[in-house]
Amino acid sequence: MTATDPEAPRHTLAEDVLAIFIGTLFVSFGLALFKQAGLLTGSTAGLAFLVFYVTALPFGAVFFVINLPFYYLAFRRMGWRFTVKTFCAVALVSVLTELHGRFIHIGGLDPFYAAVFGGLLMGVGFIVLFRHQASLGGVNILALYVQDRYGVRAGKLQMAIDLVILAMSYFVVAPTAMAASVLGAIAINLVIWMNHRRDRYVAWSAP
């Protein structure tokens, strides 16, 4: 049985709503830890961190604005349901990342601890979103669109963009923060690699 099998169990609307909230809660808390420790990550979140560190503009607002151009591509490739869910997920992450600081105050935070713990949290949050046909938009959508349109492998393009973001961070963050950020990226992708398999999870969202 696969996720596209008509007999596969479906997610209800309530389950989708709750899952998107839980997934974005985990991702946003991981991002809040990265922000507190002065770390970076990939994709549009990495760009938002760079802008935040250079200009002190609110991370949440920058992250929301950077993602706006990608919704058209999401609609073209994934359809309106995926696009609406992704828009809601991005909006929630933008708000929640800023709100966490109002409820928890961290006096000191080791960057490597933040990288591992925050990265694992974000990885779990991504899995929750993926399993309910949502994402956090950005570079992943662009990579999939370019792959369909021009035949460039999505993974290679996304890796290239993330490497550019990491190279730009050389002028913004300390070497220790860069090393911890790489560790955080490994933690995120380890969780996704172990869990994001369609043949292991067959539930899908109701139309």
Protein backbone atom coordinates (compact mmCIF):
# COMPACT_ATOMS: atom_id res chain seq x y z
CA MET A 1 0.00 0.00 0.00
CA THR A 2 1.32 3.46 -0.92
CA ALA A 3 0.33 7.05 -0.12
CA THR A 4 -1.50 7.34 -3.43
CA ASP A 5 -3.47 4.11 -2.93
CA PRO A 6 -7.23 4.88 -2.63
CA GLU A 7 -7.39 2.41 0.26
CA ALA A 8 -4.65 4.14 2.23
CA PRO A 9 -5.83 5.83 5.44
CA ARG A 10 -6.46 9.55 5.04
CA HIS A 11 -5.58 12.46 7.29
CA THR A 12 -8.59 14.48 8.30
CA LEU A 13 -8.61 18.27 8.09
CA ALA A 14 -8.31 18.45 11.89
CA GLU A 15 -5.27 16.15 11.79
CA ASP A 16 -3.67 18.30 9.10
CA VAL A 17 -4.24 21.48 11.09
CA LEU A 18 -2.86 19.97 14.30
CA ALA A 19 0.11 18.43 12.52
CA ILE A 20 1.05 21.68 10.81
CA PHE A 21 0.94 23.47 14.17
CA ILE A 22 3.04 20.78 15.88
CA GLY A 23 5.54 20.60 13.01
CA THR A 24 6.01 24.36 12.87
CA LEU A 25 6.26 24.51 16.67
CA PHE A 26 9.21 22.09 16.58
CA VAL A 27 10.88 23.82 13.63
CA SER A 28 10.43 27.29 15.10
CA PHE A 29 11.86 26.26 18.47
CA GLY A 30 14.88 24.78 16.72
CA LEU A 31 15.30 28.03 14.77
CA ALA A 32 14.96 30.01 18.01
CA LEU A 33 17.83 27.99 19.48
CA PHE A 34 19.91 28.61 16.35
CA LYS A 35 19.11 32.31 16.58
CA GLN A 36 20.08 32.47 20.25
CA ALA A 37 23.38 30.70 19.55
CA GLY A 38 24.17 32.77 16.43
CA LEU A 39 24.01 29.78 14.07
CA LEU A 40 22.92 29.37 10.45
CA THR A 41 20.99 26.84 8.45
CA GLY A 42 20.23 26.32 4.78
CA SER A 43 17.53 27.44 2.34
CA THR A 44 15.46 30.57 2.93
CA ALA A 45 15.89 30.27 6.70
CA GLY A 46 19.64 30.62 6.16
CA LEU A 47 19.12 33.73 4.05
CA ALA A 48 16.80 35.14 6.72
CA PHE A 49 19.46 34.52 9.37
CA LEU A 50 22.08 36.33 7.28
CA VAL A 51 19.80 39.34 6.87
CA PHE A 52 18.97 39.27 10.58
CA TYR A 53 22.62 39.15 11.66
CA VAL A 54 23.62 41.98 9.29
CA THR A 55 20.63 44.32 9.69
CA ALA A 56 18.93 43.24 12.95
CA LEU A 57 15.59 43.11 11.10
CA PRO A 58 13.21 40.60 12.75
CA PHE A 59 14.03 37.09 11.60
CA GLY A 60 10.36 36.06 11.37
CA ALA A 61 9.40 38.95 9.12
CA VAL A 62 12.41 38.44 6.84
CA PHE A 63 11.74 34.70 6.58
CA PHE A 64 8.10 35.34 5.64
CA VAL A 65 8.96 37.92 2.96
CA ILE A 66 11.78 35.85 1.40
CA ASN A 67 9.36 32.97 0.86
CA LEU A 68 6.71 35.02 -0.95
CA PRO A 69 8.10 34.60 -4.50
CA PHE A 70 8.14 30.81 -4.18
CA TYR A 71 4.40 30.27 -3.75
CA TYR A 72 3.74 30.68 -7.46
CA LEU A 73 6.18 27.86 -8.19
CA ALA A 74 4.60 25.77 -5.43
CA PHE A 75 1.18 26.23 -7.01
CA ARG A 76 2.48 25.35 -10.47
CA ARG A 77 4.22 22.16 -9.35
CA MET A 78 2.33 20.94 -6.24
CA GLY A 79 -1.19 22.36 -6.55
CA TRP A 80 -3.21 24.69 -4.39
CA ARG A 81 -3.60 22.40 -1.34
CA PHE A 82 0.14 22.04 -0.89
CA THR A 83 0.59 25.79 -1.49
CA VAL A 84 -2.00 26.79 1.12
CA LYS A 85 -0.53 24.41 3.69
CA THR A 86 2.97 25.66 2.97
CA PHE A 87 1.89 29.30 3.26
CA CYS A 88 0.31 28.54 6.65
CA ALA A 89 3.41 26.66 7.80
CA VAL A 90 5.75 29.50 6.79
CA ALA A 91 3.51 32.08 8.48
CA LEU A 92 3.40 30.03 11.69
CA VAL A 93 7.17 29.53 11.77
CA SER A 94 7.66 33.28 11.19
CA VAL A 95 5.43 34.14 14.15
CA LEU A 96 6.40 31.33 16.52
CA THR A 97 10.16 31.85 16.12
CA GLU A 98 9.71 35.38 17.45
CA LEU A 99 7.24 34.33 20.18
CA HIS A 100 9.43 31.68 21.82
CA GLY A 101 11.62 34.39 23.31
CA ARG A 102 8.62 35.73 25.23
CA PHE A 103 8.11 32.42 27.03
CA ILE A 104 11.63 31.12 27.58
CA HIS A 105 14.80 33.00 28.51
CA ILE A 106 18.17 31.30 28.01
CA GLY A 107 21.11 32.87 29.80
CA GLY A 108 23.80 30.80 28.09
CA LEU A 109 23.65 28.35 25.21
CA ASP A 110 26.52 26.26 23.86
CA PRO A 111 26.46 26.51 20.05
CA PHE A 112 27.15 22.80 19.50
CA TYR A 113 24.38 21.79 21.89
CA ALA A 114 22.03 24.20 20.12
CA ALA A 115 23.09 22.79 16.75
CA VAL A 116 22.41 19.16 17.67
CA PHE A 117 19.26 19.63 19.75
CA GLY A 118 17.83 22.34 17.50
CA GLY A 119 18.72 20.38 14.37
CA LEU A 120 17.02 17.22 15.64
CA LEU A 121 13.91 19.22 16.57
CA MET A 122 13.77 20.79 13.12
CA GLY A 123 14.24 17.42 11.46
CA VAL A 124 11.28 15.98 13.37
CA GLY A 125 9.22 19.07 12.53
CA PHE A 126 10.03 18.71 8.83
CA ILE A 127 8.95 15.06 8.89
CA VAL A 128 5.61 16.01 10.44
CA LEU A 129 5.06 18.64 7.75
CA PHE A 130 6.14 16.37 4.90
CA ARG A 131 3.74 13.64 6.03
CA HIS A 132 0.87 16.10 5.83
CA GLN A 133 1.83 17.40 2.38
CA ALA A 134 3.31 20.71 3.56
CA SER A 135 6.75 22.28 3.59
CA LEU A 136 8.51 25.51 4.50
CA GLY A 137 8.74 26.61 0.89
CA GLY A 138 11.78 28.37 -0.45
CA VAL A 139 14.75 26.75 -2.13
CA ASN A 140 13.31 23.24 -2.08
CA ILE A 141 10.36 24.31 -4.23
CA LEU A 142 12.66 26.24 -6.59
CA ALA A 143 14.93 23.21 -6.92
CA LEU A 144 12.03 20.91 -7.78
CA TYR A 145 10.69 23.42 -10.32
CA VAL A 146 14.08 23.84 -12.02
CA GLN A 147 14.48 20.06 -12.12
CA ASP A 148 11.14 19.68 -13.91
CA ARG A 149 11.72 22.61 -16.27
CA TYR A 150 15.42 22.32 -17.10
CA GLY A 151 16.49 18.85 -15.96
CA VAL A 152 18.89 20.08 -13.27
CA ARG A 153 18.89 17.65 -10.33
CA ALA A 154 17.02 19.19 -7.40
CA GLY A 155 19.45 17.87 -4.80
CA LYS A 156 22.47 19.33 -6.59
CA LEU A 157 20.87 22.75 -6.99
CA GLN A 158 19.74 22.89 -3.37
CA MET A 159 23.19 21.83 -2.19
CA ALA A 160 24.82 24.51 -4.37
CA ILE A 161 22.54 27.22 -2.97
CA ASP A 162 23.16 26.09 0.61
CA LEU A 163 26.92 26.15 -0.03
CA VAL A 164 26.63 29.72 -1.31
CA ILE A 165 24.73 30.69 1.85
CA LEU A 166 27.40 29.01 3.97
CA ALA A 167 30.16 30.81 2.05
CA MET A 168 28.40 34.15 2.60
CA SER A 169 28.20 33.39 6.32
CA TYR A 170 32.01 33.41 6.48
CA PHE A 171 31.82 37.21 6.59
CA VAL A 172 29.01 37.29 9.18
CA VAL A 173 29.51 34.62 11.86
CA ALA A 174 32.50 33.24 13.75
CA PRO A 175 34.25 30.02 12.63
CA THR A 176 32.92 28.22 15.71
CA ALA A 177 29.37 29.12 14.75
CA MET A 178 30.00 27.92 11.20
CA ALA A 179 31.29 24.57 12.48
CA ALA A 180 28.28 24.20 14.77
CA SER A 181 25.95 25.13 11.90
CA VAL A 182 27.38 22.30 9.79
CA LEU A 183 26.73 19.92 12.70
CA GLY A 184 23.17 21.22 12.89
CA ALA A 185 22.65 20.57 9.18
CA ILE A 186 23.84 16.99 9.67
CA ALA A 187 21.38 16.53 12.55
CA ILE A 188 18.47 17.84 10.47
CA ASN A 189 19.24 15.69 7.46
CA LEU A 190 19.92 12.59 9.59
CA VAL A 191 16.37 12.68 10.93
CA ILE A 192 14.91 13.27 7.46
CA TRP A 193 17.05 10.53 5.91
CA MET A 194 15.93 7.96 8.50
CA ASN A 195 12.23 8.82 8.41
CA HIS A 196 11.21 10.37 5.09
CA ARG A 197 10.26 7.26 3.12
CA ARG A 198 6.90 7.06 1.41
CA ASP A 199 6.88 3.25 1.57
CA ARG A 200 6.93 3.41 5.37
CA TYR A 201 4.08 5.86 5.78
CA VAL A 202 0.85 5.55 3.82
CA ALA A 203 -1.59 8.01 5.39
CA TRP A 204 -2.53 10.94 3.15
CA SER A 205 -4.70 14.02 3.41
CA ALA A 206 -8.39 14.02 2.64
CA PRO A 207 -9.41 16.10 -0.42
